[in-house]
Amino acid sequence: MASTGATAATRSLPMSVAAGAAAGLVAGVPLGIIMQATDVMPMVADLVADPSTGLGWLVHLFNSVLFGAIFAVLFSQWIARPGAAIGLGLLYGVAWWVVGALWIMPAWLGMSEMIFEVGDDQWWSLLGHLLHGLLLGTLYVLIRPMLARR
């Protein structure tokens, strides 16, 4: 009897991670559009190599998939219902705005004067991260049950 529960739990985590990764990828597109419109994509590429818009998109979408999977791992037991998933998605988006956009990215790029600095571009970034979180939570709730039926 214990092996049945263990088998279901063993299958459940990979399905949650896959749903989070897929939701993260789709949610990353509108955030990426905002980042490109505010000319941030070359800076994203600069985190790993020379600045270029194409590489910036690849890095951004990779991170979107990764952070979507992490969202599922951290919160899968609480995000089965739409309200909880959307609420946690919005909080997760704000958290990544603070940690990623306001702290890690400027620090990594040697722009210490920009750490936790909030100006017009950062408000656009917050909007994008909120949209990302909203879509991440919503899409996770829609995708996860489809994977469970397979």
N, C-alpha and C. Protein backbone atom coordinates (compact mmCIF):
# COMPACT_ATOMS: atom_id res chain seq x y z
N MET A 1 0.82 -1.19 0.00
CA MET A 1 0.00 0.00 0.00
C MET A 1 0.87 1.26 0.00
N ALA A 2 1.96 1.25 0.74
CA ALA A 2 2.85 2.42 0.81
C ALA A 2 3.50 2.68 -0.54
N SER A 3 3.75 1.61 -1.30
CA SER A 3 4.40 1.81 -2.59
C SER A 3 3.50 2.54 -3.58
N THR A 4 2.18 2.39 -3.46
CA THR A 4 1.27 3.10 -4.35
C THR A 4 1.35 4.60 -4.11
N GLY A 5 1.37 5.03 -2.85
CA GLY A 5 1.50 6.45 -2.53
C GLY A 5 2.84 6.99 -2.97
N ALA A 6 3.88 6.20 -2.77
CA ALA A 6 5.22 6.63 -3.17
C ALA A 6 5.30 6.76 -4.68
N THR A 7 4.66 5.85 -5.41
CA THR A 7 4.68 5.91 -6.87
C THR A 7 3.95 7.15 -7.36
N ALA A 8 2.80 7.45 -6.77
CA ALA A 8 2.05 8.64 -7.17
C ALA A 8 2.84 9.91 -6.88
N ALA A 9 3.48 9.95 -5.72
CA ALA A 9 4.29 11.13 -5.36
C ALA A 9 5.50 11.25 -6.27
N THR A 10 6.09 10.11 -6.64
CA THR A 10 7.25 10.12 -7.52
C THR A 10 6.88 10.65 -8.90
N ARG A 11 5.69 10.30 -9.38
CA ARG A 11 5.24 10.81 -10.68
C ARG A 11 4.74 12.24 -10.59
N SER A 12 4.24 12.63 -9.44
CA SER A 12 3.64 13.94 -9.27
C SER A 12 4.67 15.07 -9.40
N LEU A 13 5.82 14.92 -8.79
CA LEU A 13 6.83 15.99 -8.83
C LEU A 13 7.30 16.27 -10.25
N PRO A 14 7.67 15.26 -11.03
CA PRO A 14 8.08 15.57 -12.41
C PRO A 14 6.98 16.25 -13.23
N MET A 15 5.72 15.86 -13.01
CA MET A 15 4.63 16.51 -13.74
C MET A 15 4.47 17.96 -13.30
N SER A 16 4.64 18.22 -12.02
CA SER A 16 4.58 19.59 -11.53
C SER A 16 5.72 20.43 -12.09
N VAL A 17 6.91 19.86 -12.12
CA VAL A 17 8.08 20.57 -12.67
C VAL A 17 7.87 20.85 -14.16
N ALA A 18 7.35 19.87 -14.89
CA ALA A 18 7.10 20.07 -16.33
C ALA A 18 6.05 21.16 -16.54
N ALA A 19 4.99 21.16 -15.73
CA ALA A 19 3.95 22.19 -15.84
C ALA A 19 4.53 23.56 -15.51
N GLY A 20 5.35 23.64 -14.47
CA GLY A 20 5.97 24.90 -14.10
C GLY A 20 6.92 25.41 -15.18
N ALA A 21 7.70 24.50 -15.75
CA ALA A 21 8.64 24.89 -16.81
C ALA A 21 7.89 25.40 -18.04
N ALA A 22 6.84 24.69 -18.45
CA ALA A 22 6.05 25.12 -19.61
C ALA A 22 5.37 26.46 -19.35
N ALA A 23 4.79 26.60 -18.16
CA ALA A 23 4.13 27.86 -17.80
C ALA A 23 5.17 29.00 -17.75
N GLY A 24 6.35 28.71 -17.23
CA GLY A 24 7.41 29.71 -17.17
C GLY A 24 7.85 30.16 -18.55
N LEU A 25 7.95 29.23 -19.48
CA LEU A 25 8.35 29.58 -20.84
C LEU A 25 7.35 30.52 -21.49
N VAL A 26 6.07 30.18 -21.40
CA VAL A 26 5.04 31.02 -22.01
C VAL A 26 4.96 32.37 -21.30
N ALA A 27 5.03 32.35 -19.97
CA ALA A 27 4.97 33.60 -19.19
C ALA A 27 6.18 34.49 -19.45
N GLY A 28 7.28 33.89 -19.86
CA GLY A 28 8.49 34.67 -20.13
C GLY A 28 8.41 35.53 -21.37
N VAL A 29 7.53 35.18 -22.30
CA VAL A 29 7.45 35.93 -23.56
C VAL A 29 6.98 37.38 -23.34
N PRO A 30 5.85 37.63 -22.65
CA PRO A 30 5.47 39.04 -22.47
C PRO A 30 6.47 39.83 -21.64
N LEU A 31 7.06 39.19 -20.63
CA LEU A 31 8.11 39.88 -19.86
C LEU A 31 9.28 40.22 -20.78
N GLY A 32 9.65 39.29 -21.64
CA GLY A 32 10.74 39.54 -22.59
C GLY A 32 10.43 40.67 -23.55
N ILE A 33 9.18 40.78 -23.96
CA ILE A 33 8.79 41.87 -24.86
C ILE A 33 8.97 43.21 -24.14
N ILE A 34 8.57 43.27 -22.88
CA ILE A 34 8.77 44.51 -22.11
C ILE A 34 10.26 44.79 -21.95
N MET A 35 11.03 43.74 -21.68
CA MET A 35 12.48 43.92 -21.51
C MET A 35 13.12 44.41 -22.81
N GLN A 36 12.66 43.88 -23.94
CA GLN A 36 13.21 44.34 -25.21
C GLN A 36 12.80 45.77 -25.50
N ALA A 37 11.55 46.11 -25.19
CA ALA A 37 11.06 47.47 -25.44
C ALA A 37 11.82 48.51 -24.60
N THR A 38 12.29 48.10 -23.43
CA THR A 38 13.05 49.02 -22.57
C THR A 38 14.56 48.82 -22.74
N ASP A 39 14.95 48.10 -23.79
CA ASP A 39 16.36 47.90 -24.17
C ASP A 39 17.18 47.19 -23.10
N VAL A 40 16.57 46.23 -22.42
CA VAL A 40 17.27 45.48 -21.37
C VAL A 40 17.85 44.17 -21.89
N MET A 41 17.34 43.64 -23.00
CA MET A 41 17.80 42.34 -23.49
C MET A 41 19.31 42.25 -23.70
N PRO A 42 19.97 43.26 -24.28
CA PRO A 42 21.42 43.15 -24.40
C PRO A 42 22.13 43.05 -23.04
N MET A 43 21.57 43.70 -22.02
CA MET A 43 22.15 43.60 -20.67
C MET A 43 21.99 42.19 -20.12
N VAL A 44 20.88 41.53 -20.44
CA VAL A 44 20.66 40.15 -20.00
C VAL A 44 21.73 39.26 -20.63
N ALA A 45 21.98 39.46 -21.92
CA ALA A 45 23.03 38.69 -22.60
C ALA A 45 24.39 38.98 -22.00
N ASP A 46 24.60 40.20 -21.55
CA ASP A 46 25.87 40.60 -20.95
C ASP A 46 26.16 39.84 -19.66
N LEU A 47 25.14 39.22 -19.08
CA LEU A 47 25.36 38.41 -17.87
C LEU A 47 26.22 37.18 -18.17
N VAL A 48 26.17 36.69 -19.41
CA VAL A 48 26.91 35.48 -19.76
C VAL A 48 27.95 35.67 -20.86
N ALA A 49 27.81 36.72 -21.65
CA ALA A 49 28.73 36.93 -22.77
C ALA A 49 28.61 38.38 -23.23
N ASP A 50 28.88 38.61 -24.49
CA ASP A 50 28.75 39.95 -25.07
C ASP A 50 27.28 40.30 -25.24
N PRO A 51 26.95 41.58 -25.14
CA PRO A 51 25.55 41.97 -25.26
C PRO A 51 25.00 41.77 -26.67
N SER A 52 23.89 41.07 -26.76
CA SER A 52 23.16 40.92 -28.02
C SER A 52 21.71 40.60 -27.68
N THR A 53 20.82 41.09 -28.49
CA THR A 53 19.40 40.88 -28.23
C THR A 53 19.04 39.40 -28.32
N GLY A 54 19.54 38.71 -29.33
CA GLY A 54 19.21 37.29 -29.51
C GLY A 54 19.67 36.45 -28.33
N LEU A 55 20.90 36.65 -27.90
CA LEU A 55 21.40 35.90 -26.75
C LEU A 55 20.64 36.30 -25.49
N GLY A 56 20.27 37.57 -25.39
CA GLY A 56 19.48 38.01 -24.25
C GLY A 56 18.17 37.25 -24.16
N TRP A 57 17.52 37.07 -25.31
CA TRP A 57 16.27 36.28 -25.34
C TRP A 57 16.52 34.84 -24.89
N LEU A 58 17.59 34.23 -25.37
CA LEU A 58 17.88 32.84 -24.97
C LEU A 58 18.12 32.73 -23.47
N VAL A 59 18.91 33.63 -22.92
CA VAL A 59 19.18 33.62 -21.48
C VAL A 59 17.88 33.87 -20.71
N HIS A 60 17.10 34.85 -21.15
CA HIS A 60 15.85 35.17 -20.47
C HIS A 60 14.87 33.99 -20.49
N LEU A 61 14.70 33.36 -21.65
CA LEU A 61 13.75 32.24 -21.73
C LEU A 61 14.26 31.02 -20.97
N PHE A 62 15.57 30.79 -20.96
CA PHE A 62 16.12 29.72 -20.12
C PHE A 62 15.78 29.98 -18.66
N ASN A 63 16.01 31.22 -18.22
CA ASN A 63 15.69 31.57 -16.83
C ASN A 63 14.20 31.44 -16.55
N SER A 64 13.38 31.81 -17.51
CA SER A 64 11.93 31.69 -17.33
C SER A 64 11.51 30.24 -17.12
N VAL A 65 12.08 29.34 -17.89
CA VAL A 65 11.80 27.91 -17.72
C VAL A 65 12.30 27.43 -16.35
N LEU A 66 13.53 27.79 -16.02
CA LEU A 66 14.12 27.39 -14.74
C LEU A 66 13.31 27.92 -13.56
N PHE A 67 12.96 29.20 -13.59
CA PHE A 67 12.23 29.80 -12.47
C PHE A 67 10.79 29.28 -12.41
N GLY A 68 10.22 28.90 -13.55
CA GLY A 68 8.90 28.26 -13.55
C GLY A 68 8.96 26.89 -12.89
N ALA A 69 10.00 26.12 -13.18
CA ALA A 69 10.18 24.82 -12.54
C ALA A 69 10.40 24.97 -11.04
N ILE A 70 11.19 25.95 -10.65
CA ILE A 70 11.43 26.20 -9.22
C ILE A 70 10.13 26.60 -8.53
N PHE A 71 9.31 27.42 -9.18
CA PHE A 71 8.00 27.80 -8.65
C PHE A 71 7.17 26.55 -8.34
N ALA A 72 7.15 25.62 -9.27
CA ALA A 72 6.38 24.38 -9.07
C ALA A 72 6.93 23.55 -7.92
N VAL A 73 8.24 23.44 -7.82
CA VAL A 73 8.85 22.67 -6.73
C VAL A 73 8.54 23.30 -5.38
N LEU A 74 8.68 24.61 -5.30
CA LEU A 74 8.47 25.30 -4.02
C LEU A 74 7.01 25.32 -3.58
N PHE A 75 6.10 25.48 -4.54
CA PHE A 75 4.72 25.79 -4.17
C PHE A 75 3.69 24.77 -4.64
N SER A 76 4.08 23.64 -5.21
CA SER A 76 3.10 22.73 -5.81
C SER A 76 2.03 22.26 -4.84
N GLN A 77 2.34 22.14 -3.58
CA GLN A 77 1.32 21.67 -2.63
C GLN A 77 0.28 22.74 -2.32
N TRP A 78 0.56 24.00 -2.66
CA TRP A 78 -0.38 25.08 -2.37
C TRP A 78 -1.06 25.66 -3.59
N ILE A 79 -0.64 25.29 -4.78
CA ILE A 79 -1.13 25.99 -5.98
C ILE A 79 -2.05 25.14 -6.84
N ALA A 80 -2.80 24.25 -6.23
CA ALA A 80 -3.74 23.45 -7.00
C ALA A 80 -4.98 24.26 -7.39
N ARG A 81 -5.31 25.28 -6.61
CA ARG A 81 -6.48 26.11 -6.90
C ARG A 81 -6.03 27.41 -7.56
N PRO A 82 -6.85 27.93 -8.47
CA PRO A 82 -6.46 29.14 -9.21
C PRO A 82 -6.11 30.34 -8.33
N GLY A 83 -6.91 30.62 -7.31
CA GLY A 83 -6.65 31.80 -6.48
C GLY A 83 -5.29 31.74 -5.81
N ALA A 84 -4.96 30.60 -5.24
CA ALA A 84 -3.66 30.44 -4.57
C ALA A 84 -2.52 30.50 -5.58
N ALA A 85 -2.72 29.87 -6.74
CA ALA A 85 -1.66 29.87 -7.76
C ALA A 85 -1.40 31.27 -8.29
N ILE A 86 -2.46 32.02 -8.53
CA ILE A 86 -2.29 33.38 -9.04
C ILE A 86 -1.66 34.27 -7.97
N GLY A 87 -2.14 34.17 -6.74
CA GLY A 87 -1.57 34.98 -5.65
C GLY A 87 -0.10 34.69 -5.43
N LEU A 88 0.25 33.40 -5.37
CA LEU A 88 1.66 33.05 -5.18
C LEU A 88 2.48 33.41 -6.42
N GLY A 89 1.88 33.30 -7.59
CA GLY A 89 2.58 33.70 -8.81
C GLY A 89 2.92 35.19 -8.80
N LEU A 90 1.95 36.02 -8.37
CA LEU A 90 2.21 37.46 -8.29
C LEU A 90 3.31 37.76 -7.28
N LEU A 91 3.25 37.12 -6.11
CA LEU A 91 4.30 37.32 -5.10
C LEU A 91 5.66 36.85 -5.61
N TYR A 92 5.66 35.73 -6.31
CA TYR A 92 6.89 35.18 -6.89
C TYR A 92 7.47 36.16 -7.93
N GLY A 93 6.60 36.77 -8.74
CA GLY A 93 7.05 37.75 -9.71
C GLY A 93 7.69 38.96 -9.04
N VAL A 94 7.06 39.44 -7.97
CA VAL A 94 7.64 40.58 -7.23
C VAL A 94 8.98 40.18 -6.61
N ALA A 95 9.03 38.96 -6.06
CA ALA A 95 10.28 38.50 -5.44
C ALA A 95 11.41 38.46 -6.46
N TRP A 96 11.14 37.95 -7.67
CA TRP A 96 12.18 37.91 -8.69
C TRP A 96 12.52 39.29 -9.22
N TRP A 97 11.57 40.21 -9.19
CA TRP A 97 11.88 41.59 -9.57
C TRP A 97 12.89 42.17 -8.59
N VAL A 98 12.65 41.98 -7.30
CA VAL A 98 13.56 42.52 -6.29
C VAL A 98 14.92 41.81 -6.35
N VAL A 99 14.89 40.49 -6.33
CA VAL A 99 16.14 39.72 -6.27
C VAL A 99 16.90 39.79 -7.59
N GLY A 100 16.19 39.59 -8.70
CA GLY A 100 16.86 39.52 -10.00
C GLY A 100 17.14 40.86 -10.63
N ALA A 101 16.07 41.66 -10.80
CA ALA A 101 16.21 42.91 -11.55
C ALA A 101 16.83 44.04 -10.73
N LEU A 102 16.52 44.08 -9.44
CA LEU A 102 17.03 45.19 -8.63
C LEU A 102 18.35 44.88 -7.92
N TRP A 103 18.68 43.59 -7.78
CA TRP A 103 19.87 43.25 -7.02
C TRP A 103 20.89 42.48 -7.85
N ILE A 104 20.56 41.25 -8.27
CA ILE A 104 21.55 40.37 -8.91
C ILE A 104 22.06 40.96 -10.23
N MET A 105 21.14 41.38 -11.10
CA MET A 105 21.58 41.85 -12.42
C MET A 105 22.50 43.07 -12.33
N PRO A 106 22.12 44.13 -11.60
CA PRO A 106 23.06 45.25 -11.54
C PRO A 106 24.37 44.89 -10.84
N ALA A 107 24.30 44.06 -9.80
CA ALA A 107 25.52 43.67 -9.09
C ALA A 107 26.44 42.86 -10.02
N TRP A 108 25.87 41.91 -10.75
CA TRP A 108 26.63 41.05 -11.65
C TRP A 108 27.29 41.87 -12.76
N LEU A 109 26.61 42.91 -13.21
CA LEU A 109 27.13 43.73 -14.30
C LEU A 109 28.04 44.86 -13.82
N GLY A 110 28.31 44.90 -12.50
CA GLY A 110 29.20 45.91 -11.96
C GLY A 110 28.58 47.29 -11.87
N MET A 111 27.26 47.34 -11.82
CA MET A 111 26.55 48.62 -11.74
C MET A 111 26.04 48.82 -10.31
N SER A 112 26.98 48.91 -9.37
CA SER A 112 26.61 48.95 -7.96
C SER A 112 25.72 50.15 -7.62
N GLU A 113 25.86 51.24 -8.36
CA GLU A 113 25.00 52.40 -8.10
C GLU A 113 23.54 52.15 -8.47
N MET A 114 23.27 51.09 -9.24
CA MET A 114 21.91 50.77 -9.67
C MET A 114 21.22 49.74 -8.78
N ILE A 115 21.95 49.15 -7.83
CA ILE A 115 21.35 48.14 -6.95
C ILE A 115 20.23 48.78 -6.14
N PHE A 116 19.06 48.19 -6.23
CA PHE A 116 17.84 48.64 -5.56
C PHE A 116 17.43 50.06 -5.94
N GLU A 117 17.91 50.54 -7.08
CA GLU A 117 17.51 51.84 -7.60
C GLU A 117 16.23 51.64 -8.42
N VAL A 118 15.22 52.44 -8.17
CA VAL A 118 13.95 52.30 -8.89
C VAL A 118 13.65 53.58 -9.65
N GLY A 119 13.67 53.46 -10.97
CA GLY A 119 13.33 54.55 -11.87
C GLY A 119 12.30 54.07 -12.88
N ASP A 120 12.11 54.79 -13.96
CA ASP A 120 11.09 54.44 -14.95
C ASP A 120 11.26 53.02 -15.50
N ASP A 121 12.48 52.65 -15.87
CA ASP A 121 12.71 51.30 -16.42
C ASP A 121 12.39 50.21 -15.40
N GLN A 122 12.69 50.46 -14.15
CA GLN A 122 12.42 49.46 -13.12
C GLN A 122 10.92 49.29 -12.89
N TRP A 123 10.14 50.36 -13.04
CA TRP A 123 8.68 50.22 -12.90
C TRP A 123 8.13 49.38 -14.04
N TRP A 124 8.66 49.57 -15.23
CA TRP A 124 8.27 48.71 -16.35
C TRP A 124 8.66 47.26 -16.06
N SER A 125 9.82 47.09 -15.48
CA SER A 125 10.27 45.75 -15.11
C SER A 125 9.34 45.12 -14.08
N LEU A 126 8.90 45.90 -13.10
CA LEU A 126 7.94 45.38 -12.12
C LEU A 126 6.65 44.95 -12.81
N LEU A 127 6.15 45.78 -13.72
CA LEU A 127 4.95 45.41 -14.46
C LEU A 127 5.15 44.08 -15.19
N GLY A 128 6.29 43.94 -15.85
CA GLY A 128 6.59 42.69 -16.56
C GLY A 128 6.67 41.50 -15.62
N HIS A 129 7.29 41.67 -14.46
CA HIS A 129 7.42 40.57 -13.51
C HIS A 129 6.06 40.22 -12.89
N LEU A 130 5.20 41.21 -12.68
CA LEU A 130 3.84 40.92 -12.20
C LEU A 130 3.06 40.15 -13.25
N LEU A 131 3.18 40.56 -14.50
CA LEU A 131 2.51 39.85 -15.59
C LEU A 131 3.05 38.42 -15.69
N HIS A 132 4.36 38.28 -15.57
CA HIS A 132 4.98 36.95 -15.59
C HIS A 132 4.41 36.08 -14.47
N GLY A 133 4.34 36.62 -13.25
CA GLY A 133 3.82 35.86 -12.13
C GLY A 133 2.36 35.49 -12.31
N LEU A 134 1.56 36.42 -12.81
CA LEU A 134 0.15 36.16 -13.06
C LEU A 134 -0.02 35.03 -14.07
N LEU A 135 0.70 35.11 -15.18
CA LEU A 135 0.63 34.06 -16.20
C LEU A 135 1.20 32.74 -15.70
N LEU A 136 2.28 32.80 -14.95
CA LEU A 136 2.90 31.58 -14.41
C LEU A 136 1.90 30.82 -13.55
N GLY A 137 1.27 31.51 -12.60
CA GLY A 137 0.30 30.85 -11.73
C GLY A 137 -0.91 30.33 -12.49
N THR A 138 -1.44 31.15 -13.38
CA THR A 138 -2.63 30.78 -14.15
C THR A 138 -2.34 29.59 -15.06
N LEU A 139 -1.25 29.66 -15.80
CA LEU A 139 -0.91 28.58 -16.73
C LEU A 139 -0.55 27.30 -16.00
N TYR A 140 0.11 27.41 -14.85
CA TYR A 140 0.42 26.20 -14.08
C TYR A 140 -0.87 25.47 -13.72
N VAL A 141 -1.87 26.20 -13.25
CA VAL A 141 -3.14 25.58 -12.86
C VAL A 141 -3.84 24.94 -14.05
N LEU A 142 -3.66 25.52 -15.24
CA LEU A 142 -4.27 24.95 -16.43
C LEU A 142 -3.50 23.75 -16.98
N ILE A 143 -2.18 23.80 -16.93
CA ILE A 143 -1.35 22.75 -17.53
C ILE A 143 -1.24 21.52 -16.64
N ARG A 144 -1.10 21.72 -15.34
CA ARG A 144 -0.85 20.59 -14.40
C ARG A 144 -1.90 19.50 -14.50
N PRO A 145 -3.21 19.80 -14.51
CA PRO A 145 -4.20 18.72 -14.62
C PRO A 145 -4.14 17.99 -15.96
N MET A 146 -3.77 18.70 -17.02
CA MET A 146 -3.65 18.03 -18.33
C MET A 146 -2.55 16.98 -18.29
N LEU A 147 -1.45 17.27 -17.60
CA LEU A 147 -0.36 16.30 -17.49
C LEU A 147 -0.74 15.12 -16.61
N ALA A 148 -1.56 15.37 -15.60
CA ALA A 148 -1.97 14.29 -14.69
C ALA A 148 -2.85 13.27 -15.40
N ARG A 149 -3.57 13.69 -16.42
CA ARG A 149 -4.47 12.78 -17.16
C ARG A 149 -3.71 11.88 -18.11
N ARG A 150 -2.47 12.16 -18.36
CA ARG A 150 -1.69 11.35 -19.33
C ARG A 150 -1.26 10.05 -18.72
